[in-house]
Amino acid sequence: MEAGIRVVPYSADIDDFIDVLPGMRWSCVRCGSCCGNIFSLTWIDLTLSEYIGDPIDGYCKWYDRVKHKCTIHEKRPNICRGYPFIIRKDGDHYKLQVHRLCNGLGQGEPVDIMEVAERLIRYSEEDLDLDFHISWDNGKLKLFRIR
């Protein structure tokens, strides 16, 4: 982990998310701040609370604070797979947003907005047992619920 990286659990109010703009970069730096239980309980549906359990020093019970890794990484909930990104409704379309406090923001390669948005939608389809039709109109994401 890089020096100067903040390693504390943090909450994620909806106002802590900002629009992902073309050229914005992000890469996971494995700091574990997103695994803070405050964040998880804010965003994870109550049906997933069995994954989280009781917090241990403010972190999800599955987060190893010594090794800085999720101990159920391959089976983690989709909300964790999608972090630090969310899809948010904006008028008649949707936009991709990122948690502005994520330590990985500004790191790595530019975010592929379409790929990340479509991946998050697929996670939602799995979690909610729904199907969406996705279209892009001049860079604006349009979703249509099929089922």
N, C-alpha and C. Protein backbone atom coordinates (compact mmCIF):
# COMPACT_ATOMS: atom_id res chain seq x y z
N MET A 1 0.85 -1.17 0.00
CA MET A 1 0.00 0.00 0.00
C MET A 1 0.90 1.24 0.00
N GLU A 2 0.47 2.25 -0.74
CA GLU A 2 1.26 3.46 -0.90
C GLU A 2 1.28 4.28 0.38
N ALA A 3 2.42 4.94 0.63
CA ALA A 3 2.52 5.84 1.79
C ALA A 3 1.56 7.00 1.59
N GLY A 4 1.00 7.48 2.68
CA GLY A 4 0.10 8.61 2.60
C GLY A 4 -1.35 8.23 2.32
N ILE A 5 -1.62 6.94 2.09
CA ILE A 5 -2.98 6.49 1.84
C ILE A 5 -3.71 6.43 3.17
N ARG A 6 -4.87 7.00 3.20
CA ARG A 6 -5.71 7.02 4.39
C ARG A 6 -6.34 5.64 4.59
N VAL A 7 -6.13 5.02 5.74
CA VAL A 7 -6.68 3.70 6.01
C VAL A 7 -7.61 3.80 7.20
N VAL A 8 -8.79 4.28 6.95
CA VAL A 8 -9.81 4.39 7.99
C VAL A 8 -11.15 4.05 7.36
N PRO A 9 -12.04 3.43 8.12
CA PRO A 9 -13.37 3.20 7.55
C PRO A 9 -14.08 4.55 7.44
N TYR A 10 -14.85 4.72 6.37
CA TYR A 10 -15.57 5.97 6.23
C TYR A 10 -17.01 5.72 5.82
N SER A 11 -17.86 6.67 6.14
CA SER A 11 -19.25 6.57 5.73
C SER A 11 -19.37 7.08 4.30
N ALA A 12 -20.47 6.76 3.67
CA ALA A 12 -20.68 7.18 2.30
C ALA A 12 -22.09 7.73 2.14
N ASP A 13 -22.21 8.98 2.40
CA ASP A 13 -23.47 9.67 2.16
C ASP A 13 -23.63 9.83 0.65
N ILE A 14 -24.85 9.87 0.17
CA ILE A 14 -25.08 9.99 -1.27
C ILE A 14 -24.38 11.23 -1.84
N ASP A 15 -24.22 12.26 -1.03
CA ASP A 15 -23.54 13.47 -1.49
C ASP A 15 -22.03 13.29 -1.61
N ASP A 16 -21.51 12.16 -1.15
CA ASP A 16 -20.08 11.87 -1.27
C ASP A 16 -19.74 11.27 -2.64
N PHE A 17 -20.74 11.11 -3.51
CA PHE A 17 -20.51 10.57 -4.84
C PHE A 17 -20.50 11.70 -5.86
N ILE A 18 -19.55 11.62 -6.80
CA ILE A 18 -19.41 12.64 -7.85
C ILE A 18 -19.48 11.95 -9.21
N ASP A 19 -19.82 12.72 -10.24
CA ASP A 19 -19.92 12.17 -11.59
C ASP A 19 -18.55 11.69 -12.08
N VAL A 20 -18.55 10.54 -12.77
CA VAL A 20 -17.34 10.07 -13.43
C VAL A 20 -17.28 10.79 -14.77
N LEU A 21 -16.20 11.50 -14.99
CA LEU A 21 -16.02 12.26 -16.22
C LEU A 21 -15.01 11.56 -17.12
N PRO A 22 -15.11 11.75 -18.43
CA PRO A 22 -14.15 11.13 -19.35
C PRO A 22 -12.71 11.47 -18.93
N GLY A 23 -11.87 10.45 -18.91
CA GLY A 23 -10.47 10.62 -18.54
C GLY A 23 -10.19 10.45 -17.05
N MET A 24 -11.25 10.38 -16.23
CA MET A 24 -11.05 10.18 -14.79
C MET A 24 -10.42 8.80 -14.58
N ARG A 25 -9.45 8.76 -13.69
CA ARG A 25 -8.72 7.50 -13.45
C ARG A 25 -9.09 6.90 -12.10
N TRP A 26 -9.05 5.57 -12.03
CA TRP A 26 -9.29 4.86 -10.78
C TRP A 26 -8.64 3.50 -10.85
N SER A 27 -8.11 3.07 -9.72
CA SER A 27 -7.59 1.72 -9.54
C SER A 27 -7.65 1.40 -8.05
N CYS A 28 -8.01 0.18 -7.72
CA CYS A 28 -8.06 -0.21 -6.31
C CYS A 28 -6.64 -0.21 -5.74
N VAL A 29 -6.47 0.46 -4.61
CA VAL A 29 -5.17 0.50 -3.94
C VAL A 29 -5.15 -0.38 -2.70
N ARG A 30 -6.21 -1.17 -2.52
CA ARG A 30 -6.31 -2.16 -1.43
C ARG A 30 -6.12 -1.54 -0.05
N CYS A 31 -6.68 -0.36 0.15
CA CYS A 31 -6.54 0.30 1.45
C CYS A 31 -7.55 -0.22 2.47
N GLY A 32 -8.69 -0.71 2.00
CA GLY A 32 -9.70 -1.26 2.89
C GLY A 32 -10.66 -0.25 3.48
N SER A 33 -10.51 1.02 3.15
CA SER A 33 -11.42 2.02 3.71
C SER A 33 -12.87 1.72 3.33
N CYS A 34 -13.10 1.19 2.15
CA CYS A 34 -14.46 0.90 1.70
C CYS A 34 -15.08 -0.25 2.50
N CYS A 35 -14.27 -1.04 3.15
CA CYS A 35 -14.78 -2.16 3.94
C CYS A 35 -15.19 -1.75 5.34
N GLY A 36 -15.12 -0.46 5.60
CA GLY A 36 -15.60 0.03 6.88
C GLY A 36 -17.08 -0.28 7.00
N ASN A 37 -17.47 -0.81 8.13
CA ASN A 37 -18.86 -1.23 8.31
C ASN A 37 -19.83 -0.08 8.19
N ILE A 38 -19.39 1.14 8.47
CA ILE A 38 -20.27 2.29 8.34
C ILE A 38 -20.70 2.43 6.89
N PHE A 39 -19.75 2.28 5.98
CA PHE A 39 -20.07 2.34 4.56
C PHE A 39 -21.00 1.19 4.18
N SER A 40 -20.64 -0.02 4.57
CA SER A 40 -21.41 -1.19 4.18
C SER A 40 -22.85 -1.11 4.63
N LEU A 41 -23.08 -0.74 5.87
CA LEU A 41 -24.44 -0.68 6.37
C LEU A 41 -25.25 0.44 5.73
N THR A 42 -24.57 1.43 5.17
CA THR A 42 -25.28 2.50 4.49
C THR A 42 -25.84 2.02 3.17
N TRP A 43 -25.09 1.17 2.48
CA TRP A 43 -25.44 0.83 1.10
C TRP A 43 -25.91 -0.59 0.87
N ILE A 44 -25.51 -1.54 1.66
CA ILE A 44 -25.89 -2.92 1.38
C ILE A 44 -27.28 -3.19 1.90
N ASP A 45 -28.07 -3.80 1.04
CA ASP A 45 -29.44 -4.16 1.39
C ASP A 45 -29.44 -5.02 2.65
N LEU A 46 -30.47 -4.86 3.47
CA LEU A 46 -30.53 -5.61 4.73
C LEU A 46 -30.45 -7.11 4.54
N THR A 47 -30.90 -7.63 3.40
CA THR A 47 -30.82 -9.07 3.17
C THR A 47 -29.38 -9.55 3.08
N LEU A 48 -28.43 -8.64 2.88
CA LEU A 48 -27.02 -9.03 2.80
C LEU A 48 -26.31 -8.86 4.14
N SER A 49 -27.06 -8.51 5.19
CA SER A 49 -26.42 -8.24 6.48
C SER A 49 -25.68 -9.44 7.03
N GLU A 50 -26.06 -10.66 6.61
CA GLU A 50 -25.33 -11.84 7.07
C GLU A 50 -23.88 -11.81 6.62
N TYR A 51 -23.60 -11.18 5.50
CA TYR A 51 -22.22 -11.05 5.04
C TYR A 51 -21.43 -10.12 5.94
N ILE A 52 -22.09 -9.10 6.43
CA ILE A 52 -21.39 -8.07 7.18
C ILE A 52 -21.23 -8.44 8.64
N GLY A 53 -22.31 -8.89 9.24
CA GLY A 53 -22.26 -9.25 10.65
C GLY A 53 -21.98 -8.04 11.53
N ASP A 54 -21.54 -8.30 12.73
CA ASP A 54 -21.21 -7.21 13.65
C ASP A 54 -19.86 -6.62 13.28
N PRO A 55 -19.74 -5.31 13.33
CA PRO A 55 -18.47 -4.68 12.98
C PRO A 55 -17.36 -5.06 13.96
N ILE A 56 -16.16 -5.14 13.43
CA ILE A 56 -14.97 -5.38 14.24
C ILE A 56 -14.09 -4.14 14.05
N ASP A 57 -13.99 -3.33 15.07
CA ASP A 57 -13.23 -2.07 14.98
C ASP A 57 -13.69 -1.21 13.80
N GLY A 58 -14.99 -1.25 13.50
CA GLY A 58 -15.53 -0.41 12.44
C GLY A 58 -15.48 -1.01 11.04
N TYR A 59 -14.98 -2.23 10.90
CA TYR A 59 -14.86 -2.86 9.59
C TYR A 59 -15.79 -4.05 9.46
N CYS A 60 -16.09 -4.38 8.21
CA CYS A 60 -16.83 -5.60 7.89
C CYS A 60 -16.09 -6.79 8.51
N LYS A 61 -16.83 -7.75 9.01
CA LYS A 61 -16.19 -8.90 9.68
C LYS A 61 -15.32 -9.72 8.72
N TRP A 62 -15.51 -9.57 7.41
CA TRP A 62 -14.74 -10.36 6.45
C TRP A 62 -13.45 -9.66 6.01
N TYR A 63 -13.23 -8.44 6.48
CA TYR A 63 -12.03 -7.71 6.06
C TYR A 63 -10.88 -7.99 7.02
N ASP A 64 -9.77 -8.48 6.48
CA ASP A 64 -8.55 -8.74 7.25
C ASP A 64 -7.74 -7.45 7.27
N ARG A 65 -7.73 -6.77 8.42
CA ARG A 65 -7.07 -5.48 8.53
C ARG A 65 -5.55 -5.59 8.56
N VAL A 66 -5.02 -6.76 8.81
CA VAL A 66 -3.57 -6.95 8.81
C VAL A 66 -3.07 -7.13 7.37
N LYS A 67 -3.76 -7.99 6.61
CA LYS A 67 -3.35 -8.28 5.23
C LYS A 67 -3.99 -7.33 4.23
N HIS A 68 -4.89 -6.47 4.69
CA HIS A 68 -5.60 -5.52 3.83
C HIS A 68 -6.30 -6.23 2.67
N LYS A 69 -7.14 -7.21 3.03
CA LYS A 69 -7.88 -7.89 1.97
C LYS A 69 -9.17 -8.49 2.50
N CYS A 70 -10.09 -8.70 1.58
CA CYS A 70 -11.37 -9.32 1.89
C CYS A 70 -11.17 -10.82 1.92
N THR A 71 -11.63 -11.44 2.99
CA THR A 71 -11.44 -12.90 3.11
C THR A 71 -12.50 -13.69 2.35
N ILE A 72 -13.52 -13.01 1.82
CA ILE A 72 -14.53 -13.69 0.98
C ILE A 72 -14.56 -13.04 -0.40
N HIS A 73 -13.43 -12.56 -0.85
CA HIS A 73 -13.35 -11.78 -2.09
C HIS A 73 -14.09 -12.44 -3.26
N GLU A 74 -13.92 -13.71 -3.47
CA GLU A 74 -14.57 -14.39 -4.59
C GLU A 74 -16.08 -14.52 -4.41
N LYS A 75 -16.57 -14.43 -3.17
CA LYS A 75 -18.00 -14.57 -2.89
C LYS A 75 -18.62 -13.27 -2.37
N ARG A 76 -17.91 -12.17 -2.44
CA ARG A 76 -18.40 -10.92 -1.86
C ARG A 76 -19.67 -10.46 -2.58
N PRO A 77 -20.50 -9.70 -1.88
CA PRO A 77 -21.74 -9.22 -2.49
C PRO A 77 -21.45 -8.28 -3.67
N ASN A 78 -22.40 -8.19 -4.57
CA ASN A 78 -22.23 -7.34 -5.75
C ASN A 78 -22.02 -5.87 -5.40
N ILE A 79 -22.59 -5.40 -4.32
CA ILE A 79 -22.38 -4.00 -3.95
C ILE A 79 -20.90 -3.75 -3.67
N CYS A 80 -20.22 -4.76 -3.13
CA CYS A 80 -18.79 -4.64 -2.90
C CYS A 80 -18.02 -4.74 -4.22
N ARG A 81 -18.49 -5.59 -5.12
CA ARG A 81 -17.84 -5.72 -6.43
C ARG A 81 -17.89 -4.42 -7.21
N GLY A 82 -18.96 -3.68 -7.04
CA GLY A 82 -19.13 -2.45 -7.80
C GLY A 82 -18.44 -1.23 -7.21
N TYR A 83 -18.12 -1.29 -5.92
CA TYR A 83 -17.53 -0.13 -5.26
C TYR A 83 -16.24 0.29 -5.96
N PRO A 84 -15.98 1.56 -6.13
CA PRO A 84 -16.58 2.76 -5.54
C PRO A 84 -17.62 3.42 -6.44
N PHE A 85 -18.16 2.65 -7.39
CA PHE A 85 -19.07 3.23 -8.37
C PHE A 85 -20.52 2.94 -8.04
N ILE A 86 -21.39 3.86 -8.41
CA ILE A 86 -22.84 3.66 -8.34
C ILE A 86 -23.46 4.24 -9.61
N ILE A 87 -24.67 3.79 -9.90
CA ILE A 87 -25.46 4.37 -10.99
C ILE A 87 -26.54 5.21 -10.33
N ARG A 88 -26.71 6.43 -10.80
CA ARG A 88 -27.67 7.34 -10.17
C ARG A 88 -28.56 7.96 -11.25
N LYS A 89 -29.85 7.99 -10.97
CA LYS A 89 -30.81 8.58 -11.91
C LYS A 89 -30.61 10.08 -11.98
N ASP A 90 -30.66 10.59 -13.22
CA ASP A 90 -30.51 12.02 -13.46
C ASP A 90 -31.51 12.41 -14.55
N GLY A 91 -32.69 12.80 -14.15
CA GLY A 91 -33.75 13.13 -15.11
C GLY A 91 -34.22 11.90 -15.84
N ASP A 92 -34.12 11.89 -17.18
CA ASP A 92 -34.59 10.75 -17.97
C ASP A 92 -33.47 9.77 -18.31
N HIS A 93 -32.31 9.96 -17.73
CA HIS A 93 -31.20 9.02 -17.96
C HIS A 93 -30.49 8.75 -16.63
N TYR A 94 -29.44 7.96 -16.70
CA TYR A 94 -28.66 7.60 -15.51
C TYR A 94 -27.22 8.02 -15.74
N LYS A 95 -26.50 8.18 -14.64
CA LYS A 95 -25.09 8.54 -14.76
C LYS A 95 -24.27 7.68 -13.81
N LEU A 96 -23.01 7.50 -14.17
CA LEU A 96 -22.07 6.75 -13.35
C LEU A 96 -21.41 7.73 -12.40
N GLN A 97 -21.40 7.37 -11.12
CA GLN A 97 -20.74 8.20 -10.13
C GLN A 97 -19.72 7.37 -9.35
N VAL A 98 -18.80 8.06 -8.71
CA VAL A 98 -17.74 7.42 -7.94
C VAL A 98 -17.68 8.07 -6.56
N HIS A 99 -17.32 7.28 -5.56
CA HIS A 99 -17.19 7.80 -4.21
C HIS A 99 -15.94 8.68 -4.15
N ARG A 100 -16.14 9.96 -3.87
CA ARG A 100 -15.05 10.93 -3.95
C ARG A 100 -13.97 10.70 -2.90
N LEU A 101 -14.24 9.92 -1.85
CA LEU A 101 -13.25 9.67 -0.80
C LEU A 101 -12.41 8.43 -1.06
N CYS A 102 -12.71 7.70 -2.13
CA CYS A 102 -11.96 6.48 -2.42
C CYS A 102 -10.50 6.83 -2.70
N ASN A 103 -9.60 6.13 -2.02
CA ASN A 103 -8.16 6.38 -2.18
C ASN A 103 -7.64 6.02 -3.57
N GLY A 104 -8.37 5.20 -4.33
CA GLY A 104 -7.94 4.81 -5.66
C GLY A 104 -8.28 5.81 -6.75
N LEU A 105 -9.07 6.81 -6.41
CA LEU A 105 -9.44 7.84 -7.38
C LEU A 105 -8.19 8.61 -7.79
N GLY A 106 -7.99 8.74 -9.09
CA GLY A 106 -6.80 9.41 -9.62
C GLY A 106 -5.65 8.45 -9.88
N GLN A 107 -5.83 7.18 -9.54
CA GLN A 107 -4.80 6.16 -9.74
C GLN A 107 -5.13 5.34 -11.00
N GLY A 108 -4.15 4.68 -11.57
CA GLY A 108 -4.38 3.71 -12.64
C GLY A 108 -4.83 4.31 -13.96
N GLU A 109 -5.58 3.49 -14.70
CA GLU A 109 -6.02 3.83 -16.04
C GLU A 109 -7.34 4.60 -16.01
N PRO A 110 -7.65 5.30 -17.11
CA PRO A 110 -8.95 5.97 -17.19
C PRO A 110 -10.10 4.98 -17.07
N VAL A 111 -11.16 5.40 -16.42
CA VAL A 111 -12.35 4.57 -16.23
C VAL A 111 -13.09 4.44 -17.56
N ASP A 112 -13.43 3.20 -17.94
CA ASP A 112 -14.28 2.96 -19.10
C ASP A 112 -15.72 3.09 -18.61
N ILE A 113 -16.30 4.27 -18.79
CA ILE A 113 -17.60 4.58 -18.21
C ILE A 113 -18.66 3.58 -18.66
N MET A 114 -18.69 3.25 -19.95
CA MET A 114 -19.71 2.32 -20.44
C MET A 114 -19.54 0.93 -19.84
N GLU A 115 -18.31 0.45 -19.78
CA GLU A 115 -18.07 -0.89 -19.25
C GLU A 115 -18.46 -0.98 -17.78
N VAL A 116 -18.06 0.00 -16.99
CA VAL A 116 -18.36 -0.02 -15.56
C VAL A 116 -19.86 0.11 -15.33
N ALA A 117 -20.52 1.01 -16.04
CA ALA A 117 -21.97 1.18 -15.88
C ALA A 117 -22.71 -0.11 -16.24
N GLU A 118 -22.34 -0.73 -17.33
CA GLU A 118 -23.00 -1.97 -17.74
C GLU A 118 -22.75 -3.10 -16.74
N ARG A 119 -21.55 -3.15 -16.18
CA ARG A 119 -21.25 -4.17 -15.16
C ARG A 119 -22.13 -3.97 -13.93
N LEU A 120 -22.28 -2.72 -13.48
CA LEU A 120 -23.12 -2.43 -12.32
C LEU A 120 -24.58 -2.80 -12.58
N ILE A 121 -25.03 -2.56 -13.78
CA ILE A 121 -26.41 -2.91 -14.13
C ILE A 121 -26.59 -4.43 -14.09
N ARG A 122 -25.61 -5.16 -14.56
CA ARG A 122 -25.69 -6.64 -14.51
C ARG A 122 -25.73 -7.13 -13.06
N TYR A 123 -24.97 -6.49 -12.19
CA TYR A 123 -25.03 -6.84 -10.76
C TYR A 123 -26.43 -6.59 -10.22
N SER A 124 -27.02 -5.47 -10.59
CA SER A 124 -28.39 -5.16 -10.14
C SER A 124 -29.38 -6.19 -10.66
N GLU A 125 -29.20 -6.61 -11.89
CA GLU A 125 -30.08 -7.64 -12.45
C GLU A 125 -30.00 -8.92 -11.63
N GLU A 126 -28.79 -9.32 -11.27
CA GLU A 126 -28.61 -10.53 -10.46
C GLU A 126 -29.26 -10.38 -9.09
N ASP A 127 -28.99 -9.26 -8.44
CA ASP A 127 -29.49 -9.05 -7.08
C ASP A 127 -31.00 -8.90 -7.02
N LEU A 128 -31.59 -8.28 -8.02
CA LEU A 128 -33.02 -7.98 -8.00
C LEU A 128 -33.85 -8.93 -8.86
N ASP A 129 -33.20 -9.86 -9.55
CA ASP A 129 -33.86 -10.80 -10.45
C ASP A 129 -34.69 -10.03 -11.49
N LEU A 130 -34.06 -9.06 -12.12
CA LEU A 130 -34.68 -8.25 -13.15
C LEU A 130 -33.84 -8.31 -14.42
N ASP A 131 -34.40 -7.84 -15.50
CA ASP A 131 -33.65 -7.69 -16.75
C ASP A 131 -33.84 -6.28 -17.25
N PHE A 132 -32.75 -5.68 -17.72
CA PHE A 132 -32.78 -4.34 -18.26
C PHE A 132 -32.27 -4.35 -19.69
N HIS A 133 -32.82 -3.46 -20.49
CA HIS A 133 -32.25 -3.17 -21.80
C HIS A 133 -31.43 -1.89 -21.60
N ILE A 134 -30.19 -1.92 -22.06
CA ILE A 134 -29.29 -0.78 -21.89
C ILE A 134 -29.08 -0.13 -23.25
N SER A 135 -29.18 1.19 -23.29
CA SER A 135 -28.82 1.90 -24.51
C SER A 135 -28.06 3.17 -24.12
N TRP A 136 -27.26 3.61 -25.05
CA TRP A 136 -26.47 4.84 -24.86
C TRP A 136 -26.91 5.83 -25.92
N ASP A 137 -27.33 7.01 -25.49
CA ASP A 137 -27.79 8.05 -26.39
C ASP A 137 -26.90 9.28 -26.18
N ASN A 138 -25.97 9.51 -27.13
CA ASN A 138 -25.02 10.62 -27.01
C ASN A 138 -24.29 10.59 -25.67
N GLY A 139 -23.84 9.40 -25.28
CA GLY A 139 -23.09 9.25 -24.03
C GLY A 139 -23.95 9.20 -22.78
N LYS A 140 -25.27 9.28 -22.93
CA LYS A 140 -26.16 9.22 -21.78
C LYS A 140 -26.75 7.83 -21.69
N LEU A 141 -26.71 7.27 -20.50
CA LEU A 141 -27.19 5.92 -20.24
C LEU A 141 -28.70 5.92 -20.09
N LYS A 142 -29.35 5.04 -20.87
CA LYS A 142 -30.80 4.86 -20.77
C LYS A 142 -31.05 3.40 -20.39
N LEU A 143 -31.90 3.20 -19.41
CA LEU A 143 -32.26 1.85 -18.96
C LEU A 143 -33.75 1.64 -19.15
N PHE A 144 -34.08 0.46 -19.62
CA PHE A 144 -35.48 0.07 -19.75
C PHE A 144 -35.64 -1.27 -19.08
N ARG A 145 -36.53 -1.33 -18.13
CA ARG A 145 -36.76 -2.59 -17.40
C ARG A 145 -37.58 -3.51 -18.30
N ILE A 146 -37.06 -4.70 -18.53
CA ILE A 146 -37.75 -5.70 -19.34
C ILE A 146 -38.59 -6.59 -18.46
N ARG A 147 -38.01 -7.02 -17.37
CA ARG A 147 -38.70 -7.93 -16.44
C ARG A 147 -38.30 -7.56 -15.04
